[in-house]
Amino acid sequence: MFVVSNFMVAIARILDIGLSLYMWIIIARAVISWVNPDPYNPIVRFLHSATEPVLFRIRRRIPINLGGIDFSPILVILVIIFLQAFLVQSLIQLASRF
């Protein structure tokens, strides 16, 4: 059963790295939004296309926009932190029981 345990730990680590990378992409998008970026820049286009589907769903469900400040990146980052603390740790603990 150690193979299943190692597989679950590997999945948990990959999920943790993926969530961390996406969190940094969200942070980069928020920082770039403070300035007037060139919309034709490939980096800006990548950040926009990688984050807009998630941010749009949050904005549509919870329209929090106080004084022109968009709080949807903060909510997405909080969800990512929750998933890292709950889901990833649960997978690692479940793998340790095998």
C-alpha atoms as a PDB file:
ATOM      1  CA  MET A   1       0.000   0.000   0.000  1.00  0.00           C
ATOM      2  CA  PHE A   2       3.014   2.293   0.135  1.00  0.00           C
ATOM      3  CA  VAL A   3       2.567   2.939  -3.602  1.00  0.00           C
ATOM      4  CA  VAL A   4      -0.893   4.407  -3.030  1.00  0.00           C
ATOM      5  CA  SER A   5       0.441   6.461  -0.141  1.00  0.00           C
ATOM      6  CA  ASN A   6       3.304   7.844  -2.219  1.00  0.00           C
ATOM      7  CA  PHE A   7       0.930   8.575  -5.092  1.00  0.00           C
ATOM      8  CA  MET A   8      -1.397  10.547  -2.808  1.00  0.00           C
ATOM      9  CA  VAL A   9       1.514  12.517  -1.334  1.00  0.00           C
ATOM     10  CA  ALA A  10       2.729  13.311  -4.856  1.00  0.00           C
ATOM     11  CA  ILE A  11      -0.748  14.499  -5.873  1.00  0.00           C
ATOM     12  CA  ALA A  12      -0.940  16.642  -2.736  1.00  0.00           C
ATOM     13  CA  ARG A  13       2.450  18.222  -3.466  1.00  0.00           C
ATOM     14  CA  ILE A  14       1.571  18.919  -7.100  1.00  0.00           C
ATOM     15  CA  LEU A  15      -1.730  20.452  -6.004  1.00  0.00           C
ATOM     16  CA  ASP A  16       0.064  22.590  -3.427  1.00  0.00           C
ATOM     17  CA  ILE A  17       2.598  23.841  -5.992  1.00  0.00           C
ATOM     18  CA  GLY A  18      -0.154  24.528  -8.529  1.00  0.00           C
ATOM     19  CA  LEU A  19      -2.200  26.490  -6.015  1.00  0.00           C
ATOM     20  CA  SER A  20       0.874  28.478  -4.951  1.00  0.00           C
ATOM     21  CA  LEU A  21       1.725  29.325  -8.560  1.00  0.00           C
ATOM     22  CA  TYR A  22      -1.843  30.421  -9.263  1.00  0.00           C
ATOM     23  CA  MET A  23      -1.821  32.573  -6.141  1.00  0.00           C
ATOM     24  CA  TRP A  24       1.322  34.335  -7.394  1.00  0.00           C
ATOM     25  CA  ILE A  25      -0.311  34.831 -10.793  1.00  0.00           C
ATOM     26  CA  ILE A  26      -3.310  36.443  -9.055  1.00  0.00           C
ATOM     27  CA  ILE A  27      -0.956  38.684  -7.049  1.00  0.00           C
ATOM     28  CA  ALA A  28       0.918  39.683 -10.220  1.00  0.00           C
ATOM     29  CA  ARG A  29      -2.381  40.521 -11.915  1.00  0.00           C
ATOM     30  CA  ALA A  30      -3.426  42.679  -8.968  1.00  0.00           C
ATOM     31  CA  VAL A  31      -0.091  44.519  -8.901  1.00  0.00           C
ATOM     32  CA  ILE A  32      -0.153  45.125 -12.644  1.00  0.00           C
ATOM     33  CA  SER A  33      -3.690  46.487 -12.402  1.00  0.00           C
ATOM     34  CA  TRP A  34      -2.398  49.374 -10.261  1.00  0.00           C
ATOM     35  CA  VAL A  35      -0.596  50.829 -13.276  1.00  0.00           C
ATOM     36  CA  ASN A  36      -1.803  51.299 -16.819  1.00  0.00           C
ATOM     37  CA  PRO A  37      -0.303  48.224 -18.538  1.00  0.00           C
ATOM     38  CA  ASP A  38      -0.066  47.804 -22.278  1.00  0.00           C
ATOM     39  CA  PRO A  39      -2.946  45.421 -23.157  1.00  0.00           C
ATOM     40  CA  TYR A  40      -0.942  44.015 -26.074  1.00  0.00           C
ATOM     41  CA  ASN A  41       1.995  42.943 -23.904  1.00  0.00           C
ATOM     42  CA  PRO A  42       2.172  39.120 -23.900  1.00  0.00           C
ATOM     43  CA  ILE A  43       2.726  38.965 -20.141  1.00  0.00           C
ATOM     44  CA  VAL A  44      -0.282  41.175 -19.446  1.00  0.00           C
ATOM     45  CA  ARG A  45      -2.384  39.139 -21.862  1.00  0.00           C
ATOM     46  CA  PHE A  46      -1.301  35.895 -20.167  1.00  0.00           C
ATOM     47  CA  LEU A  47      -2.097  37.229 -16.692  1.00  0.00           C
ATOM     48  CA  HIS A  48      -5.471  38.461 -17.869  1.00  0.00           C
ATOM     49  CA  SER A  49      -6.411  35.239 -19.668  1.00  0.00           C
ATOM     50  CA  ALA A  50      -5.201  33.042 -16.784  1.00  0.00           C
ATOM     51  CA  THR A  51      -7.060  34.902 -14.054  1.00  0.00           C
ATOM     52  CA  GLU A  52     -10.129  36.477 -15.622  1.00  0.00           C
ATOM     53  CA  PRO A  53     -12.313  33.318 -15.731  1.00  0.00           C
ATOM     54  CA  VAL A  54     -11.966  32.836 -11.966  1.00  0.00           C
ATOM     55  CA  LEU A  55     -12.141  36.524 -11.069  1.00  0.00           C
ATOM     56  CA  PHE A  56     -15.171  37.068 -13.310  1.00  0.00           C
ATOM     57  CA  ARG A  57     -17.105  34.304 -11.547  1.00  0.00           C
ATOM     58  CA  ILE A  58     -16.320  35.855  -8.167  1.00  0.00           C
ATOM     59  CA  ARG A  59     -17.300  39.337  -9.372  1.00  0.00           C
ATOM     60  CA  ARG A  60     -20.556  38.030 -10.829  1.00  0.00           C
ATOM     61  CA  ARG A  61     -21.591  36.204  -7.649  1.00  0.00           C
ATOM     62  CA  ILE A  62     -20.302  38.707  -5.083  1.00  0.00           C
ATOM     63  CA  PRO A  63     -20.302  42.234  -6.510  1.00  0.00           C
ATOM     64  CA  ILE A  64     -17.887  43.802  -4.015  1.00  0.00           C
ATOM     65  CA  ASN A  65     -16.486  46.977  -5.516  1.00  0.00           C
ATOM     66  CA  LEU A  66     -16.024  49.752  -2.978  1.00  0.00           C
ATOM     67  CA  GLY A  67     -14.607  52.959  -4.329  1.00  0.00           C
ATOM     68  CA  GLY A  68     -13.215  51.362  -7.466  1.00  0.00           C
ATOM     69  CA  ILE A  69     -11.248  48.724  -5.543  1.00  0.00           C
ATOM     70  CA  ASP A  70     -11.765  45.174  -6.757  1.00  0.00           C
ATOM     71  CA  PHE A  71     -11.782  42.699  -3.873  1.00  0.00           C
ATOM     72  CA  SER A  72     -12.162  39.570  -5.996  1.00  0.00           C
ATOM     73  CA  PRO A  73      -8.381  38.808  -6.027  1.00  0.00           C
ATOM     74  CA  ILE A  74      -8.381  38.899  -2.227  1.00  0.00           C
ATOM     75  CA  LEU A  75     -11.268  36.439  -2.094  1.00  0.00           C
ATOM     76  CA  VAL A  76      -9.563  34.099  -4.576  1.00  0.00           C
ATOM     77  CA  ILE A  77      -6.326  34.212  -2.562  1.00  0.00           C
ATOM     78  CA  LEU A  78      -8.266  33.383   0.624  1.00  0.00           C
ATOM     79  CA  VAL A  79      -9.892  30.408  -1.126  1.00  0.00           C
ATOM     80  CA  ILE A  80      -6.472  29.219  -2.320  1.00  0.00           C
ATOM     81  CA  ILE A  81      -5.075  29.474   1.220  1.00  0.00           C
ATOM     82  CA  PHE A  82      -8.078  27.520   2.515  1.00  0.00           C
ATOM     83  CA  LEU A  83      -7.568  24.806  -0.102  1.00  0.00           C
ATOM     84  CA  GLN A  84      -3.882  24.560   0.771  1.00  0.00           C
ATOM     85  CA  ALA A  85      -4.624  24.305   4.483  1.00  0.00           C
ATOM     86  CA  PHE A  86      -7.563  21.905   4.180  1.00  0.00           C
ATOM     87  CA  LEU A  87      -7.396  19.854   0.995  1.00  0.00           C
ATOM     88  CA  VAL A  88      -3.646  19.422   0.639  1.00  0.00           C
ATOM     89  CA  GLN A  89      -3.136  18.665   4.314  1.00  0.00           C
ATOM     90  CA  SER A  90      -6.072  16.243   4.288  1.00  0.00           C
ATOM     91  CA  LEU A  91      -4.551  14.367   1.353  1.00  0.00           C
ATOM     92  CA  ILE A  92      -1.198  14.139   3.110  1.00  0.00           C
ATOM     93  CA  GLN A  93      -2.781  12.895   6.340  1.00  0.00           C
ATOM     94  CA  LEU A  94      -4.907  10.404   4.409  1.00  0.00           C
ATOM     95  CA  ALA A  95      -1.771   9.130   2.671  1.00  0.00           C
ATOM     96  CA  SER A  96      -0.030   8.650   5.996  1.00  0.00           C
ATOM     97  CA  ARG A  97      -2.748   6.243   7.101  1.00  0.00           C
ATOM     98  CA  PHE A  98      -2.095   3.822   4.234  1.00  0.00           C
END
